Amino acid sequence: MREAWWDKAERFLIGLLGILAMLVGVVQVAGRYIAPRYAISWAEEVIVYLIVWGIMLAASQLVRTDGHVRPDLVLRAVPARVQRWMEVLNCVAALVFCAALTWYGWSIVATSWQLDERSSSDLQFPMWLYSAAIPTGALLMSGRYLARLYRYLVAFNAETMTVGHIPEHERAGGLGPLPPGAD
């Protein structure tokens, strides 16, 4: 059940980052109109940092739910055994991309750290913390793709392939399961 805690932790952090971004935005807007003298000058910067981190964390959740761009139309037209190998190829290609993104992101973080890059606002935020979202998100996606690759190579079951089947919640227009006999 390792994925269960991983899922919960990611969703919690994504939600927390979103709530913090909204709170900073509300405080900044309220401060601007109610007490302009005390308005936060760096609020937009912090909102961007929080949203970027949230997006990079959410990328891992998209891998978990098959939400990334993929050739679903083609996958639905082929048998489950062919789907399996297409998914394996997809996972390998995604892992190569994630490895490149991790390497490139880490080089950005290392350079920012060495140069002690800071934001130009009053906050003087260390830019390596902002840039660290790239390799972090790529590593999290890599973990998800490795789990998927394991599922397709080792724990494959043609009966559980979901690419060619429309989940219940999608068929019902997102309103829940279909009533009995409505298939």
Protein backbone atom coordinates (compact mmCIF):
# COMPACT_ATOMS: atom_id res chain seq x y z
CA MET A 1 0.00 0.00 0.00
CA ARG A 2 2.91 2.35 -0.57
CA GLU A 3 1.09 4.12 -3.37
CA ALA A 4 -1.78 4.94 -1.03
CA TRP A 5 0.38 7.09 1.26
CA TRP A 6 2.21 8.54 -1.76
CA ASP A 7 -1.12 9.52 -3.35
CA LYS A 8 -2.39 11.07 -0.14
CA ALA A 9 0.83 12.99 0.46
CA GLU A 10 0.88 14.38 -3.08
CA ARG A 11 -2.77 15.37 -3.05
CA PHE A 12 -2.37 16.97 0.39
CA LEU A 13 0.64 19.00 -0.75
CA ILE A 14 -1.06 20.05 -3.99
CA GLY A 15 -4.13 21.17 -2.05
CA LEU A 16 -2.03 22.96 0.55
CA LEU A 17 -0.07 24.82 -2.12
CA GLY A 18 -3.31 25.84 -3.85
CA ILE A 19 -4.86 27.06 -0.60
CA LEU A 20 -1.71 29.00 0.29
CA ALA A 21 -1.65 30.61 -3.17
CA MET A 22 -5.30 31.65 -2.77
CA LEU A 23 -4.69 33.01 0.73
CA VAL A 24 -1.68 35.04 -0.38
CA GLY A 25 -3.75 36.38 -3.30
CA VAL A 26 -6.68 37.33 -1.05
CA VAL A 27 -4.39 39.04 1.47
CA GLN A 28 -2.60 40.90 -1.31
CA VAL A 29 -5.82 42.11 -2.98
CA ALA A 30 -7.47 43.00 0.32
CA GLY A 31 -4.34 44.82 1.45
CA ARG A 32 -4.16 46.75 -1.80
CA TYR A 33 -7.72 48.09 -1.41
CA ILE A 34 -8.15 48.26 2.36
CA ALA A 35 -4.70 49.31 3.56
CA PRO A 36 -2.46 50.07 0.55
CA ARG A 37 0.37 51.10 2.83
CA TYR A 38 0.62 47.53 4.14
CA ALA A 39 0.10 45.71 0.84
CA ILE A 40 2.48 42.84 0.16
CA SER A 41 4.75 43.76 -2.74
CA TRP A 42 5.98 40.20 -3.35
CA ALA A 43 2.63 38.39 -3.31
CA GLU A 44 2.48 37.71 -7.07
CA GLU A 45 5.93 36.17 -6.94
CA VAL A 46 4.99 33.82 -4.11
CA ILE A 47 1.74 32.86 -5.88
CA VAL A 48 3.70 31.91 -9.01
CA TYR A 49 6.15 29.81 -6.96
CA LEU A 50 3.33 28.00 -5.17
CA ILE A 51 1.45 27.30 -8.41
CA VAL A 52 4.56 26.05 -10.23
CA TRP A 53 5.31 23.65 -7.36
CA GLY A 54 1.68 22.52 -7.34
CA ILE A 55 1.73 21.86 -11.09
CA MET A 56 4.95 19.86 -10.92
CA LEU A 57 3.53 17.75 -8.08
CA ALA A 58 0.26 17.29 -9.97
CA ALA A 59 2.16 15.93 -12.97
CA SER A 60 2.81 12.78 -10.94
CA GLN A 61 -0.89 12.42 -10.20
CA LEU A 62 -1.59 12.73 -13.93
CA VAL A 63 0.71 9.77 -14.57
CA ARG A 64 -1.17 7.78 -11.93
CA THR A 65 -4.56 8.50 -13.54
CA ASP A 66 -3.39 8.24 -17.19
CA GLY A 67 -4.06 11.95 -17.57
CA HIS A 68 -1.01 12.82 -19.67
CA VAL A 69 -1.28 13.12 -23.44
CA ARG A 70 -1.31 9.67 -25.05
CA PRO A 71 -2.77 8.01 -28.16
CA ASP A 72 -5.96 6.69 -26.55
CA LEU A 73 -7.77 6.46 -29.88
CA VAL A 74 -5.08 4.13 -31.24
CA LEU A 75 -4.89 2.18 -27.97
CA ARG A 76 -8.64 1.56 -27.97
CA ALA A 77 -8.44 0.10 -31.48
CA VAL A 78 -5.87 -2.62 -30.70
CA PRO A 79 -6.09 -5.79 -28.58
CA ALA A 80 -4.99 -5.75 -24.93
CA ARG A 81 -1.71 -7.55 -25.67
CA VAL A 82 -0.74 -4.85 -28.20
CA GLN A 83 -1.87 -2.16 -25.74
CA ARG A 84 0.52 -3.69 -23.24
CA TRP A 85 3.56 -3.23 -25.46
CA MET A 86 2.47 0.23 -26.58
CA GLU A 87 2.18 1.20 -22.91
CA VAL A 88 5.63 -0.28 -22.21
CA LEU A 89 7.05 1.84 -25.05
CA ASN A 90 5.19 4.88 -23.68
CA CYS A 91 6.63 4.28 -20.19
CA VAL A 92 10.18 3.89 -21.52
CA ALA A 93 9.90 7.08 -23.61
CA ALA A 94 8.44 8.95 -20.63
CA LEU A 95 11.24 7.69 -18.36
CA VAL A 96 13.83 8.96 -20.85
CA PHE A 97 12.07 12.34 -20.92
CA CYS A 98 11.85 12.44 -17.10
CA ALA A 99 15.55 11.55 -16.80
CA ALA A 100 16.46 14.41 -19.16
CA LEU A 101 14.15 16.78 -17.28
CA THR A 102 15.68 15.73 -13.95
CA TRP A 103 19.22 16.21 -15.24
CA TYR A 104 18.43 19.58 -16.84
CA GLY A 105 16.43 20.74 -13.81
CA TRP A 106 19.20 19.71 -11.45
CA SER A 107 21.74 21.70 -13.50
CA ILE A 108 19.49 24.77 -13.18
CA VAL A 109 19.19 24.25 -9.41
CA ALA A 110 22.96 23.76 -9.01
CA THR A 111 23.74 26.88 -11.04
CA SER A 112 21.22 28.95 -9.06
CA TRP A 113 22.73 27.64 -5.82
CA GLN A 114 26.31 28.38 -6.89
CA LEU A 115 25.47 31.88 -8.09
CA ASP A 116 23.23 32.51 -5.07
CA GLU A 117 20.53 33.74 -7.45
CA ARG A 118 17.76 35.66 -5.74
CA SER A 119 14.50 37.14 -6.97
CA SER A 120 14.47 40.83 -7.75
CA SER A 121 11.57 41.58 -5.39
CA ASP A 122 11.82 42.75 -1.80
CA LEU A 123 11.50 39.12 -0.74
CA GLN A 124 14.89 38.17 -2.27
CA PHE A 125 13.68 34.57 -2.59
CA PRO A 126 16.42 32.02 -3.41
CA MET A 127 15.75 30.94 -6.98
CA TRP A 128 17.14 27.43 -6.47
CA LEU A 129 14.07 26.63 -4.34
CA TYR A 130 11.81 27.71 -7.18
CA SER A 131 13.84 25.79 -9.78
CA ALA A 132 13.87 22.64 -7.63
CA ALA A 133 10.25 22.06 -8.65
CA ILE A 134 11.46 20.80 -12.06
CA PRO A 135 13.66 17.88 -10.94
CA THR A 136 11.31 17.10 -8.05
CA GLY A 137 8.31 16.77 -10.36
CA ALA A 138 10.34 14.75 -12.87
CA LEU A 139 11.53 12.36 -10.15
CA LEU A 140 7.98 11.88 -8.88
CA MET A 141 6.76 11.19 -12.41
CA SER A 142 9.64 8.74 -12.88
CA GLY A 143 8.50 6.82 -9.82
CA ARG A 144 4.99 6.59 -11.23
CA TYR A 145 6.24 5.51 -14.66
CA LEU A 146 8.46 2.85 -13.07
CA ALA A 147 5.42 1.52 -11.18
CA ARG A 148 3.43 1.45 -14.45
CA LEU A 149 6.29 -0.25 -16.27
CA TYR A 150 6.39 -2.92 -13.56
CA ARG A 151 2.64 -3.38 -13.89
CA TYR A 152 2.87 -3.87 -17.66
CA LEU A 153 5.99 -6.07 -17.66
CA VAL A 154 5.54 -8.19 -14.53
CA ALA A 155 2.00 -7.91 -13.20
CA PHE A 156 0.16 -7.68 -16.52
CA ASN A 157 -3.40 -8.95 -16.72
CA ALA A 158 -5.27 -8.47 -20.00
CA GLU A 159 -8.57 -8.40 -18.09
CA THR A 160 -7.54 -5.29 -16.16
CA MET A 161 -6.39 -3.20 -19.12
CA THR A 162 -8.52 -0.05 -18.92
CA VAL A 163 -7.43 1.81 -22.05
CA GLY A 164 -10.14 0.35 -24.25
CA HIS A 165 -12.88 0.64 -21.65
CA ILE A 166 -14.66 3.82 -20.61
CA PRO A 167 -14.86 4.11 -16.82
CA GLU A 168 -18.32 4.29 -15.25
CA HIS A 169 -17.94 7.89 -14.10
CA GLU A 170 -17.12 9.02 -17.66
CA ARG A 171 -20.08 7.22 -19.21
CA ALA A 172 -22.43 8.81 -16.73
CA GLY A 173 -21.23 12.29 -17.64
CA GLY A 174 -19.30 12.58 -14.39
CA LEU A 175 -22.47 12.26 -12.33
CA GLY A 176 -21.68 8.89 -10.78
CA PRO A 177 -22.43 5.30 -11.78
CA LEU A 178 -25.09 4.48 -14.33
CA PRO A 179 -28.42 3.17 -13.04
CA PRO A 180 -28.94 -0.60 -13.39
CA GLY A 181 -29.84 -1.60 -16.95
CA ALA A 182 -28.64 1.71 -18.46
CA ASP A 183 -25.58 0.12 -20.09
